[in-house]
N, C-alpha and C. Protein backbone atom coordinates (compact mmCIF):
# COMPACT_ATOMS: atom_id res chain seq x y z
N MET A 1 -10.53 20.33 7.32
CA MET A 1 -9.10 20.58 7.41
C MET A 1 -8.76 21.91 6.76
N ASP A 2 -7.94 22.71 7.39
CA ASP A 2 -7.47 23.97 6.85
C ASP A 2 -6.35 23.66 5.86
N THR A 3 -6.63 23.82 4.56
CA THR A 3 -5.66 23.44 3.54
C THR A 3 -4.48 24.39 3.48
N ARG A 4 -4.57 25.57 4.06
CA ARG A 4 -3.49 26.52 3.99
C ARG A 4 -2.34 26.18 4.93
N ASN A 5 -2.65 25.65 6.09
CA ASN A 5 -1.58 25.35 7.04
C ASN A 5 -1.63 23.92 7.57
N GLY A 6 -2.58 23.11 7.07
CA GLY A 6 -2.65 21.72 7.49
C GLY A 6 -3.24 21.50 8.86
N ARG A 7 -3.75 22.55 9.50
CA ARG A 7 -4.33 22.41 10.83
C ARG A 7 -5.82 22.13 10.73
N PRO A 8 -6.41 21.50 11.77
CA PRO A 8 -7.84 21.23 11.73
C PRO A 8 -8.64 22.53 11.70
N SER A 9 -9.77 22.48 11.00
CA SER A 9 -10.65 23.64 11.02
C SER A 9 -11.29 23.77 12.39
N MET A 10 -12.00 24.87 12.61
CA MET A 10 -12.63 25.09 13.91
C MET A 10 -13.65 23.99 14.21
N VAL A 11 -14.43 23.61 13.19
CA VAL A 11 -15.44 22.56 13.39
C VAL A 11 -14.77 21.25 13.76
N GLU A 12 -13.70 20.91 13.04
CA GLU A 12 -12.98 19.66 13.34
C GLU A 12 -12.36 19.70 14.73
N GLY A 13 -11.79 20.85 15.09
CA GLY A 13 -11.19 20.98 16.41
C GLY A 13 -12.22 20.82 17.52
N VAL A 14 -13.39 21.45 17.35
CA VAL A 14 -14.45 21.34 18.35
C VAL A 14 -14.94 19.89 18.44
N THR A 15 -15.11 19.24 17.28
CA THR A 15 -15.58 17.85 17.27
C THR A 15 -14.59 16.92 17.97
N LEU A 16 -13.30 17.08 17.66
CA LEU A 16 -12.28 16.26 18.30
C LEU A 16 -12.20 16.54 19.79
N GLY A 17 -12.37 17.81 20.17
CA GLY A 17 -12.38 18.16 21.59
C GLY A 17 -13.55 17.53 22.33
N LEU A 18 -14.73 17.51 21.67
CA LEU A 18 -15.89 16.87 22.29
C LEU A 18 -15.69 15.37 22.43
N VAL A 19 -15.07 14.75 21.42
CA VAL A 19 -14.79 13.31 21.49
C VAL A 19 -13.85 13.01 22.65
N ALA A 20 -12.79 13.81 22.77
CA ALA A 20 -11.83 13.61 23.86
C ALA A 20 -12.49 13.82 25.22
N THR A 21 -13.31 14.87 25.32
CA THR A 21 -14.00 15.14 26.59
C THR A 21 -14.99 14.03 26.92
N GLY A 22 -15.71 13.56 25.90
CA GLY A 22 -16.66 12.46 26.12
C GLY A 22 -15.96 11.20 26.56
N ALA A 23 -14.78 10.91 26.00
CA ALA A 23 -14.02 9.73 26.40
C ALA A 23 -13.62 9.81 27.86
N VAL A 24 -13.16 10.99 28.28
CA VAL A 24 -12.78 11.16 29.70
C VAL A 24 -14.00 10.99 30.60
N SER A 25 -15.14 11.54 30.18
CA SER A 25 -16.36 11.44 31.00
C SER A 25 -16.81 10.00 31.15
N ILE A 26 -16.76 9.23 30.05
CA ILE A 26 -17.15 7.83 30.11
C ILE A 26 -16.20 7.05 31.01
N GLY A 27 -14.91 7.34 30.90
CA GLY A 27 -13.94 6.66 31.76
C GLY A 27 -14.19 6.93 33.23
N VAL A 28 -14.47 8.19 33.56
CA VAL A 28 -14.76 8.55 34.95
C VAL A 28 -16.03 7.85 35.43
N ALA A 29 -17.05 7.83 34.57
CA ALA A 29 -18.31 7.16 34.94
C ALA A 29 -18.09 5.68 35.19
N SER A 30 -17.22 5.04 34.41
CA SER A 30 -16.93 3.62 34.60
C SER A 30 -16.27 3.37 35.95
N VAL A 31 -15.33 4.25 36.31
CA VAL A 31 -14.65 4.11 37.60
C VAL A 31 -15.65 4.29 38.74
N VAL A 32 -16.51 5.31 38.63
CA VAL A 32 -17.50 5.56 39.68
C VAL A 32 -18.45 4.37 39.81
N GLY A 33 -18.86 3.80 38.66
CA GLY A 33 -19.74 2.64 38.70
C GLY A 33 -19.09 1.44 39.35
N ALA A 34 -17.80 1.21 39.05
CA ALA A 34 -17.09 0.08 39.65
C ALA A 34 -16.93 0.28 41.16
N VAL A 35 -16.64 1.50 41.57
CA VAL A 35 -16.51 1.78 43.01
C VAL A 35 -17.84 1.56 43.72
N GLY A 36 -18.93 2.03 43.10
CA GLY A 36 -20.25 1.82 43.69
C GLY A 36 -20.59 0.34 43.80
N ALA A 37 -20.24 -0.43 42.76
CA ALA A 37 -20.49 -1.87 42.81
C ALA A 37 -19.66 -2.54 43.90
N GLY A 38 -18.41 -2.06 44.07
CA GLY A 38 -17.57 -2.63 45.13
C GLY A 38 -18.14 -2.36 46.51
N ILE A 39 -18.66 -1.15 46.72
CA ILE A 39 -19.28 -0.82 48.01
C ILE A 39 -20.47 -1.73 48.27
N GLU A 40 -21.27 -1.99 47.22
CA GLU A 40 -22.45 -2.85 47.37
C GLU A 40 -22.04 -4.30 47.63
N ILE A 41 -21.02 -4.78 46.90
CA ILE A 41 -20.59 -6.18 47.03
C ILE A 41 -19.99 -6.45 48.40
N PHE A 42 -19.22 -5.50 48.92
CA PHE A 42 -18.59 -5.71 50.22
C PHE A 42 -19.43 -5.18 51.38
N GLY A 43 -20.68 -4.81 51.09
CA GLY A 43 -21.61 -4.43 52.14
C GLY A 43 -22.45 -5.61 52.57
N SER A 44 -23.54 -5.33 53.20
CA SER A 44 -24.46 -6.38 53.64
C SER A 44 -25.87 -5.79 53.68
N PRO A 45 -26.85 -6.47 53.08
CA PRO A 45 -26.76 -7.74 52.34
C PRO A 45 -26.15 -7.56 50.95
N VAL A 46 -25.71 -8.68 50.38
CA VAL A 46 -25.06 -8.67 49.06
C VAL A 46 -26.03 -9.25 48.02
N PRO A 47 -26.53 -8.42 47.10
CA PRO A 47 -27.42 -8.96 46.06
C PRO A 47 -26.61 -9.66 44.97
N VAL A 48 -26.98 -10.91 44.67
CA VAL A 48 -26.30 -11.69 43.64
C VAL A 48 -27.33 -12.19 42.65
N SER A 49 -27.09 -11.90 41.37
CA SER A 49 -27.98 -12.37 40.32
C SER A 49 -27.56 -13.77 39.89
N LEU A 50 -28.41 -14.75 40.14
CA LEU A 50 -28.11 -16.15 39.84
C LEU A 50 -28.89 -16.60 38.61
N PRO A 51 -28.23 -17.29 37.67
CA PRO A 51 -28.94 -17.79 36.48
C PRO A 51 -29.86 -18.95 36.83
N VAL A 52 -31.09 -18.88 36.34
CA VAL A 52 -32.10 -19.90 36.61
C VAL A 52 -32.22 -20.81 35.41
N ASP A 53 -32.32 -22.11 35.68
CA ASP A 53 -32.41 -23.11 34.62
C ASP A 53 -33.85 -23.31 34.19
N GLY A 54 -34.39 -22.31 33.49
CA GLY A 54 -35.71 -22.44 32.87
C GLY A 54 -36.85 -22.66 33.82
N ALA A 55 -37.01 -21.83 34.86
CA ALA A 55 -38.15 -21.93 35.76
C ALA A 55 -39.38 -21.29 35.11
N GLU A 56 -40.47 -22.00 35.11
CA GLU A 56 -41.67 -21.51 34.43
C GLU A 56 -42.27 -20.32 35.17
N MET A 57 -42.67 -19.31 34.40
CA MET A 57 -43.31 -18.12 34.95
C MET A 57 -44.82 -18.34 34.88
N THR A 58 -45.38 -18.87 35.97
CA THR A 58 -46.78 -19.31 35.96
C THR A 58 -47.77 -18.16 35.82
N SER A 59 -47.37 -16.96 36.21
CA SER A 59 -48.31 -15.83 36.15
C SER A 59 -48.68 -15.45 34.72
N LEU A 60 -47.87 -15.88 33.75
CA LEU A 60 -48.18 -15.58 32.34
C LEU A 60 -48.55 -16.83 31.55
N SER A 61 -48.65 -17.95 32.22
CA SER A 61 -48.89 -19.21 31.49
C SER A 61 -50.23 -19.22 30.78
N ASP A 62 -51.23 -18.52 31.31
CA ASP A 62 -52.57 -18.53 30.71
C ASP A 62 -52.89 -17.24 29.98
N ALA A 63 -51.90 -16.35 29.82
CA ALA A 63 -52.16 -15.07 29.16
C ALA A 63 -52.32 -15.29 27.65
N ASP A 64 -53.20 -14.49 27.04
CA ASP A 64 -53.43 -14.59 25.60
C ASP A 64 -52.18 -14.16 24.83
N GLY A 65 -51.87 -14.95 23.80
CA GLY A 65 -50.75 -14.60 22.93
C GLY A 65 -49.39 -14.99 23.47
N ILE A 66 -49.31 -15.61 24.63
CA ILE A 66 -48.04 -16.02 25.22
C ILE A 66 -47.83 -17.51 24.98
N ALA A 67 -46.77 -17.86 24.28
CA ALA A 67 -46.48 -19.27 24.02
C ALA A 67 -45.77 -19.91 25.20
N ALA A 68 -44.84 -19.18 25.82
CA ALA A 68 -44.10 -19.70 26.96
C ALA A 68 -43.45 -18.54 27.68
N ALA A 69 -43.27 -18.71 29.00
CA ALA A 69 -42.62 -17.67 29.81
C ALA A 69 -41.78 -18.36 30.88
N GLU A 70 -40.52 -17.95 30.99
CA GLU A 70 -39.61 -18.55 31.95
C GLU A 70 -38.78 -17.48 32.64
N TYR A 71 -38.38 -17.77 33.88
CA TYR A 71 -37.42 -16.94 34.59
C TYR A 71 -36.01 -17.39 34.21
N THR A 72 -35.15 -16.44 33.89
CA THR A 72 -33.77 -16.79 33.59
C THR A 72 -32.79 -16.25 34.64
N GLN A 73 -33.25 -15.35 35.52
CA GLN A 73 -32.40 -14.77 36.56
C GLN A 73 -33.19 -14.67 37.86
N SER A 74 -32.49 -14.84 38.96
CA SER A 74 -33.09 -14.67 40.27
C SER A 74 -32.14 -13.85 41.13
N LEU A 75 -32.62 -12.78 41.72
CA LEU A 75 -31.78 -11.92 42.56
C LEU A 75 -31.91 -12.38 44.01
N VAL A 76 -30.79 -12.88 44.54
CA VAL A 76 -30.76 -13.40 45.90
C VAL A 76 -29.82 -12.53 46.73
N SER A 77 -30.29 -12.03 47.87
CA SER A 77 -29.47 -11.19 48.74
C SER A 77 -28.97 -12.02 49.92
N PHE A 78 -27.66 -11.95 50.15
CA PHE A 78 -27.02 -12.75 51.19
C PHE A 78 -26.55 -11.84 52.33
N GLU A 79 -26.85 -12.27 53.55
CA GLU A 79 -26.35 -11.55 54.72
C GLU A 79 -24.85 -11.79 54.89
N THR A 80 -24.41 -12.99 54.58
CA THR A 80 -22.98 -13.34 54.69
C THR A 80 -22.53 -13.99 53.39
N LEU A 81 -21.31 -13.65 52.99
CA LEU A 81 -20.73 -14.21 51.78
C LEU A 81 -19.21 -14.15 51.96
N ASP A 82 -18.51 -15.22 51.60
CA ASP A 82 -17.07 -15.26 51.86
C ASP A 82 -16.34 -14.24 50.99
N ALA A 83 -15.18 -13.82 51.45
CA ALA A 83 -14.42 -12.76 50.80
C ALA A 83 -13.99 -13.14 49.38
N GLY A 84 -13.62 -14.41 49.18
CA GLY A 84 -13.19 -14.84 47.85
C GLY A 84 -14.28 -14.65 46.81
N THR A 85 -15.51 -15.02 47.16
CA THR A 85 -16.63 -14.86 46.24
C THR A 85 -16.90 -13.39 45.97
N ARG A 86 -16.78 -12.56 46.99
CA ARG A 86 -16.99 -11.11 46.81
C ARG A 86 -15.96 -10.53 45.84
N TRP A 87 -14.70 -10.95 45.99
CA TRP A 87 -13.66 -10.44 45.11
C TRP A 87 -13.90 -10.87 43.67
N LEU A 88 -14.38 -12.10 43.47
CA LEU A 88 -14.68 -12.57 42.12
C LEU A 88 -15.83 -11.77 41.51
N LEU A 89 -16.84 -11.50 42.30
CA LEU A 89 -17.96 -10.68 41.81
C LEU A 89 -17.51 -9.28 41.45
N LEU A 90 -16.60 -8.74 42.28
CA LEU A 90 -16.07 -7.40 41.99
C LEU A 90 -15.22 -7.43 40.72
N ALA A 91 -14.41 -8.48 40.54
CA ALA A 91 -13.57 -8.58 39.35
C ALA A 91 -14.41 -8.65 38.09
N GLU A 92 -15.57 -9.29 38.17
CA GLU A 92 -16.45 -9.39 37.01
C GLU A 92 -16.87 -8.01 36.53
N ILE A 93 -17.03 -7.07 37.46
CA ILE A 93 -17.45 -5.71 37.11
C ILE A 93 -16.25 -4.80 36.88
N ALA A 94 -15.22 -4.97 37.69
CA ALA A 94 -14.07 -4.06 37.64
C ALA A 94 -13.24 -4.25 36.37
N LEU A 95 -13.09 -5.49 35.90
CA LEU A 95 -12.27 -5.72 34.71
C LEU A 95 -12.83 -5.03 33.47
N PRO A 96 -14.13 -5.16 33.17
CA PRO A 96 -14.67 -4.40 32.03
C PRO A 96 -14.57 -2.88 32.24
N ALA A 97 -14.72 -2.44 33.50
CA ALA A 97 -14.57 -1.01 33.78
C ALA A 97 -13.15 -0.56 33.50
N LEU A 98 -12.17 -1.39 33.87
CA LEU A 98 -10.77 -1.07 33.59
C LEU A 98 -10.52 -1.01 32.09
N ALA A 99 -11.08 -1.96 31.35
CA ALA A 99 -10.93 -1.94 29.89
C ALA A 99 -11.55 -0.68 29.30
N THR A 100 -12.69 -0.27 29.82
CA THR A 100 -13.33 0.95 29.34
C THR A 100 -12.46 2.16 29.59
N VAL A 101 -11.84 2.22 30.77
CA VAL A 101 -10.94 3.34 31.09
C VAL A 101 -9.76 3.36 30.12
N ILE A 102 -9.18 2.20 29.84
CA ILE A 102 -8.03 2.12 28.93
C ILE A 102 -8.43 2.56 27.52
N VAL A 103 -9.58 2.09 27.05
CA VAL A 103 -10.05 2.48 25.72
C VAL A 103 -10.34 3.98 25.66
N CYS A 104 -10.97 4.51 26.71
CA CYS A 104 -11.26 5.94 26.74
C CYS A 104 -9.98 6.77 26.77
N ALA A 105 -8.98 6.28 27.50
CA ALA A 105 -7.69 6.97 27.51
C ALA A 105 -7.05 6.96 26.13
N ALA A 106 -7.19 5.82 25.42
CA ALA A 106 -6.65 5.74 24.06
C ALA A 106 -7.38 6.70 23.12
N LEU A 107 -8.70 6.79 23.25
CA LEU A 107 -9.47 7.72 22.42
C LEU A 107 -9.11 9.17 22.74
N TRP A 108 -8.93 9.46 24.03
CA TRP A 108 -8.51 10.81 24.41
C TRP A 108 -7.16 11.16 23.80
N TRP A 109 -6.22 10.23 23.87
CA TRP A 109 -4.89 10.46 23.32
C TRP A 109 -4.94 10.61 21.79
N LEU A 110 -5.80 9.82 21.15
CA LEU A 110 -5.97 9.91 19.70
C LEU A 110 -6.57 11.26 19.32
N GLY A 111 -7.62 11.68 20.05
CA GLY A 111 -8.22 12.98 19.76
C GLY A 111 -7.24 14.12 19.94
N LEU A 112 -6.47 14.06 21.02
CA LEU A 112 -5.47 15.10 21.27
C LEU A 112 -4.40 15.10 20.19
N SER A 113 -3.99 13.91 19.75
CA SER A 113 -2.97 13.82 18.71
C SER A 113 -3.48 14.37 17.38
N LEU A 114 -4.76 14.10 17.07
CA LEU A 114 -5.34 14.63 15.84
C LEU A 114 -5.44 16.14 15.89
N ILE A 115 -5.79 16.67 17.04
CA ILE A 115 -5.87 18.13 17.18
C ILE A 115 -4.50 18.76 16.94
N ARG A 116 -3.46 18.09 17.42
CA ARG A 116 -2.09 18.61 17.27
C ARG A 116 -1.44 18.17 15.96
N GLN A 117 -2.21 17.46 15.10
CA GLN A 117 -1.69 16.98 13.82
C GLN A 117 -0.49 16.06 14.00
N ARG A 118 -0.56 15.20 15.01
CA ARG A 118 0.50 14.24 15.28
C ARG A 118 -0.10 12.85 15.51
N ALA A 119 -0.98 12.45 14.59
CA ALA A 119 -1.70 11.19 14.74
C ALA A 119 -0.76 9.98 14.69
N PHE A 120 0.35 10.09 13.95
CA PHE A 120 1.24 8.95 13.77
C PHE A 120 2.46 9.03 14.69
N ARG A 121 2.24 9.58 15.89
CA ARG A 121 3.34 9.58 16.86
C ARG A 121 3.63 8.16 17.31
N LYS A 122 4.85 7.93 17.81
CA LYS A 122 5.29 6.58 18.15
C LYS A 122 4.44 5.93 19.23
N SER A 123 3.91 6.71 20.14
CA SER A 123 3.15 6.14 21.25
C SER A 123 1.76 5.67 20.86
N MET A 124 1.28 6.04 19.67
CA MET A 124 -0.10 5.74 19.32
C MET A 124 -0.35 4.24 19.16
N VAL A 125 0.56 3.54 18.48
CA VAL A 125 0.37 2.10 18.27
C VAL A 125 0.36 1.33 19.59
N PRO A 126 1.32 1.53 20.51
CA PRO A 126 1.24 0.82 21.80
C PRO A 126 -0.03 1.15 22.59
N VAL A 127 -0.48 2.39 22.52
CA VAL A 127 -1.69 2.78 23.25
C VAL A 127 -2.90 2.03 22.69
N LEU A 128 -3.05 2.02 21.38
CA LEU A 128 -4.19 1.33 20.77
C LEU A 128 -4.09 -0.18 20.96
N ALA A 129 -2.87 -0.72 20.87
CA ALA A 129 -2.69 -2.16 21.07
C ALA A 129 -3.03 -2.57 22.50
N THR A 130 -2.66 -1.74 23.46
CA THR A 130 -3.00 -2.03 24.86
C THR A 130 -4.50 -2.03 25.07
N ALA A 131 -5.19 -1.06 24.46
CA ALA A 131 -6.65 -1.00 24.58
C ALA A 131 -7.29 -2.23 23.94
N ALA A 132 -6.78 -2.65 22.78
CA ALA A 132 -7.32 -3.85 22.12
C ALA A 132 -7.12 -5.08 22.98
N PHE A 133 -5.92 -5.22 23.53
CA PHE A 133 -5.61 -6.36 24.40
C PHE A 133 -6.52 -6.37 25.63
N ALA A 134 -6.74 -5.20 26.22
CA ALA A 134 -7.60 -5.11 27.41
C ALA A 134 -9.02 -5.53 27.09
N LEU A 135 -9.54 -5.13 25.94
CA LEU A 135 -10.90 -5.51 25.57
C LEU A 135 -11.04 -7.02 25.40
N VAL A 136 -10.08 -7.63 24.72
CA VAL A 136 -10.17 -9.07 24.46
C VAL A 136 -10.04 -9.87 25.77
N VAL A 137 -9.04 -9.51 26.58
CA VAL A 137 -8.77 -10.28 27.80
C VAL A 137 -9.91 -10.12 28.81
N THR A 138 -10.33 -8.89 29.06
CA THR A 138 -11.40 -8.69 30.03
C THR A 138 -12.72 -9.25 29.54
N GLY A 139 -12.92 -9.27 28.21
CA GLY A 139 -14.13 -9.87 27.67
C GLY A 139 -14.22 -11.36 27.92
N MET A 140 -13.08 -12.01 28.11
CA MET A 140 -13.07 -13.45 28.40
C MET A 140 -12.97 -13.74 29.89
N ILE A 141 -12.11 -13.00 30.60
CA ILE A 141 -11.85 -13.31 32.01
C ILE A 141 -12.97 -12.81 32.92
N GLY A 142 -13.51 -11.64 32.62
CA GLY A 142 -14.57 -11.08 33.48
C GLY A 142 -15.76 -12.02 33.65
N PRO A 143 -16.37 -12.51 32.55
CA PRO A 143 -17.48 -13.45 32.70
C PRO A 143 -17.07 -14.75 33.39
N LEU A 144 -15.82 -15.18 33.19
CA LEU A 144 -15.36 -16.41 33.85
C LEU A 144 -15.32 -16.23 35.36
N PHE A 145 -14.80 -15.09 35.82
CA PHE A 145 -14.80 -14.81 37.26
C PHE A 145 -16.22 -14.79 37.80
N GLY A 146 -17.14 -14.18 37.05
CA GLY A 146 -18.53 -14.15 37.49
C GLY A 146 -19.15 -15.52 37.58
N ALA A 147 -18.84 -16.38 36.60
CA ALA A 147 -19.38 -17.74 36.60
C ALA A 147 -18.86 -18.53 37.80
N ILE A 148 -17.56 -18.37 38.10
CA ILE A 148 -16.98 -19.07 39.25
C ILE A 148 -17.61 -18.57 40.55
N ALA A 149 -17.80 -17.26 40.66
CA ALA A 149 -18.41 -16.70 41.87
C ALA A 149 -19.82 -17.22 42.08
N ARG A 150 -20.61 -17.29 41.02
CA ARG A 150 -21.99 -17.76 41.15
C ARG A 150 -22.04 -19.25 41.46
N ALA A 151 -21.07 -20.01 40.94
CA ALA A 151 -20.99 -21.43 41.29
C ALA A 151 -20.71 -21.59 42.78
N GLN A 152 -19.86 -20.73 43.32
CA GLN A 152 -19.57 -20.78 44.75
C GLN A 152 -20.79 -20.38 45.58
N VAL A 153 -21.55 -19.42 45.05
CA VAL A 153 -22.78 -19.00 45.75
C VAL A 153 -23.78 -20.16 45.80
N VAL A 154 -23.93 -20.86 44.68
CA VAL A 154 -24.85 -22.00 44.65
C VAL A 154 -24.37 -23.09 45.60
N ASP A 155 -23.06 -23.30 45.68
CA ASP A 155 -22.52 -24.28 46.63
C ASP A 155 -22.86 -23.87 48.07
N GLN A 156 -22.78 -22.56 48.34
CA GLN A 156 -23.11 -22.08 49.68
C GLN A 156 -24.58 -22.33 49.99
N LEU A 157 -25.44 -22.11 49.00
CA LEU A 157 -26.87 -22.38 49.20
C LEU A 157 -27.11 -23.87 49.43
N THR A 158 -26.41 -24.71 48.68
CA THR A 158 -26.56 -26.15 48.84
C THR A 158 -26.11 -26.60 50.23
N ALA A 159 -24.99 -26.03 50.69
CA ALA A 159 -24.48 -26.38 52.03
C ALA A 159 -25.44 -25.95 53.13
N SER A 160 -26.20 -24.89 52.87
CA SER A 160 -27.15 -24.41 53.88
C SER A 160 -28.45 -25.20 53.88
N GLY A 161 -28.59 -26.14 52.94
CA GLY A 161 -29.78 -26.97 52.88
C GLY A 161 -30.87 -26.45 51.97
N ALA A 162 -30.58 -25.38 51.22
CA ALA A 162 -31.58 -24.81 50.33
C ALA A 162 -31.71 -25.66 49.07
N ASP A 163 -32.89 -25.61 48.46
CA ASP A 163 -33.13 -26.33 47.22
C ASP A 163 -32.55 -25.50 46.06
N THR A 164 -31.47 -25.99 45.45
CA THR A 164 -30.81 -25.26 44.36
C THR A 164 -31.04 -25.93 43.01
N GLY A 165 -32.08 -26.74 42.93
CA GLY A 165 -32.34 -27.46 41.68
C GLY A 165 -32.66 -26.55 40.51
N GLY A 166 -33.17 -25.36 40.79
CA GLY A 166 -33.53 -24.46 39.70
C GLY A 166 -32.39 -23.60 39.20
N PHE A 167 -31.23 -23.62 39.88
CA PHE A 167 -30.10 -22.78 39.49
C PHE A 167 -29.09 -23.58 38.68
N TRP A 168 -28.40 -22.89 37.77
CA TRP A 168 -27.27 -23.49 37.08
C TRP A 168 -26.12 -23.67 38.06
N MET A 169 -25.52 -24.84 38.06
CA MET A 169 -24.36 -25.05 38.93
C MET A 169 -23.14 -24.28 38.42
N PHE A 170 -23.01 -24.19 37.10
CA PHE A 170 -21.93 -23.39 36.51
C PHE A 170 -22.38 -22.97 35.11
N LEU A 171 -22.39 -21.66 34.87
CA LEU A 171 -22.83 -21.14 33.57
C LEU A 171 -21.89 -20.01 33.16
N PHE A 172 -21.11 -20.27 32.12
CA PHE A 172 -20.15 -19.28 31.60
C PHE A 172 -20.70 -18.74 30.29
N GLU A 173 -21.08 -17.47 30.30
CA GLU A 173 -21.65 -16.83 29.12
C GLU A 173 -20.64 -15.80 28.58
N LEU A 174 -20.06 -16.11 27.45
CA LEU A 174 -19.05 -15.24 26.85
C LEU A 174 -19.73 -14.21 25.97
N ASN A 175 -19.41 -12.93 26.23
CA ASN A 175 -19.94 -11.85 25.39
C ASN A 175 -18.94 -11.54 24.29
N PRO A 176 -19.26 -11.89 23.04
CA PRO A 176 -18.28 -11.70 21.97
C PRO A 176 -18.13 -10.25 21.53
N ALA A 177 -18.99 -9.35 22.03
CA ALA A 177 -18.95 -7.96 21.56
C ALA A 177 -17.61 -7.30 21.89
N SER A 178 -17.17 -7.41 23.16
CA SER A 178 -15.92 -6.76 23.54
C SER A 178 -14.73 -7.38 22.82
N ILE A 179 -14.79 -8.71 22.57
CA ILE A 179 -13.70 -9.37 21.84
C ILE A 179 -13.67 -8.86 20.40
N GLY A 180 -14.84 -8.71 19.80
CA GLY A 180 -14.90 -8.19 18.44
C GLY A 180 -14.38 -6.77 18.34
N TRP A 181 -14.76 -5.92 19.33
CA TRP A 181 -14.26 -4.55 19.34
C TRP A 181 -12.75 -4.53 19.57
N GLY A 182 -12.26 -5.46 20.38
CA GLY A 182 -10.81 -5.53 20.61
C GLY A 182 -10.06 -5.88 19.34
N ILE A 183 -10.60 -6.84 18.57
CA ILE A 183 -9.97 -7.21 17.30
C ILE A 183 -10.00 -6.04 16.32
N ALA A 184 -11.15 -5.34 16.28
CA ALA A 184 -11.25 -4.18 15.40
C ALA A 184 -10.24 -3.10 15.78
N LEU A 185 -10.07 -2.89 17.09
CA LEU A 185 -9.11 -1.88 17.54
C LEU A 185 -7.68 -2.32 17.24
N ALA A 186 -7.43 -3.62 17.28
CA ALA A 186 -6.11 -4.13 16.91
C ALA A 186 -5.81 -3.85 15.43
N LEU A 187 -6.84 -3.96 14.59
CA LEU A 187 -6.67 -3.63 13.17
C LEU A 187 -6.37 -2.15 12.99
N VAL A 188 -7.04 -1.31 13.80
CA VAL A 188 -6.76 0.13 13.74
C VAL A 188 -5.31 0.40 14.14
N ALA A 189 -4.85 -0.29 15.19
CA ALA A 189 -3.45 -0.13 15.61
C ALA A 189 -2.50 -0.55 14.49
N THR A 190 -2.85 -1.62 13.78
CA THR A 190 -2.03 -2.06 12.65
C THR A 190 -2.01 -1.01 11.55
N ALA A 191 -3.16 -0.38 11.31
CA ALA A 191 -3.22 0.68 10.30
C ALA A 191 -2.32 1.85 10.69
N PHE A 192 -2.30 2.19 11.97
CA PHE A 192 -1.43 3.27 12.43
C PHE A 192 0.04 2.89 12.28
N GLU A 193 0.35 1.62 12.51
CA GLU A 193 1.73 1.15 12.32
C GLU A 193 2.15 1.31 10.86
N VAL A 194 1.26 0.94 9.96
CA VAL A 194 1.55 1.11 8.53
C VAL A 194 1.69 2.59 8.19
N GLY A 195 0.82 3.43 8.78
CA GLY A 195 0.91 4.87 8.54
C GLY A 195 2.22 5.45 9.03
N GLN A 196 2.69 4.99 10.18
CA GLN A 196 3.98 5.46 10.70
C GLN A 196 5.12 5.06 9.76
N ARG A 197 5.06 3.83 9.25
CA ARG A 197 6.12 3.36 8.33
C ARG A 197 6.12 4.19 7.07
N MET A 198 4.94 4.46 6.53
CA MET A 198 4.84 5.24 5.30
C MET A 198 5.33 6.67 5.55
N GLN A 199 5.01 7.20 6.74
CA GLN A 199 5.47 8.56 7.06
C GLN A 199 6.99 8.60 7.14
N ARG A 200 7.60 7.58 7.74
CA ARG A 200 9.07 7.53 7.81
C ARG A 200 9.69 7.40 6.41
N ASP A 201 9.07 6.58 5.57
CA ASP A 201 9.58 6.40 4.22
C ASP A 201 9.48 7.70 3.41
N THR A 202 8.35 8.40 3.60
CA THR A 202 8.16 9.66 2.89
C THR A 202 9.17 10.70 3.37
N ALA A 203 9.38 10.75 4.68
CA ALA A 203 10.37 11.69 5.21
C ALA A 203 11.76 11.38 4.70
N GLY A 204 12.08 10.08 4.53
CA GLY A 204 13.39 9.71 4.01
C GLY A 204 13.55 10.13 2.57
N LEU A 205 12.48 10.06 1.76
CA LEU A 205 12.55 10.48 0.38
C LEU A 205 12.75 11.99 0.26
N VAL A 206 12.11 12.72 1.17
CA VAL A 206 12.24 14.18 1.14
C VAL A 206 13.64 14.58 1.60
């Protein structure tokens, strides 16, 4: 920090600029990845990763030093798949991508605000709170949509007469990482709210 005028030093400015640029790049990459996944999901054939209920991996059963080996996923490609299942599969990928874009936008706005020495502007708390909310909600809903889609895929296999005994009929795996990051970001938003209040109180004293 430049103590003479309160502005960021050149090193700090460059660092904040790189952070803001990196946030934009990650956001763009997330959008591109979601679009690519959508093209694949609505194309043909449609690859779907189905959870396997502990199928033994016989090729390693006699290997030295191996206690047990099981398949936990099976990639099945479908020539036909109903539109509802496709949309659920897309939502499983698109929702986390949307949350990533929102978080990256919040980081970009924070970096820009720090460069301009306006970190406690009024818009900062709503921006951070929105990013926190997006992380928590998509961290719960995204996997749920995926679990419902895979259950529908297994039902389709069952209706076609295929043996689906090795697949989970319904498996919802919640990833707590995004929820934890969302809670942490909510605490950061609270800290900014406190900082804004203290700044207003200080300005009133002056």
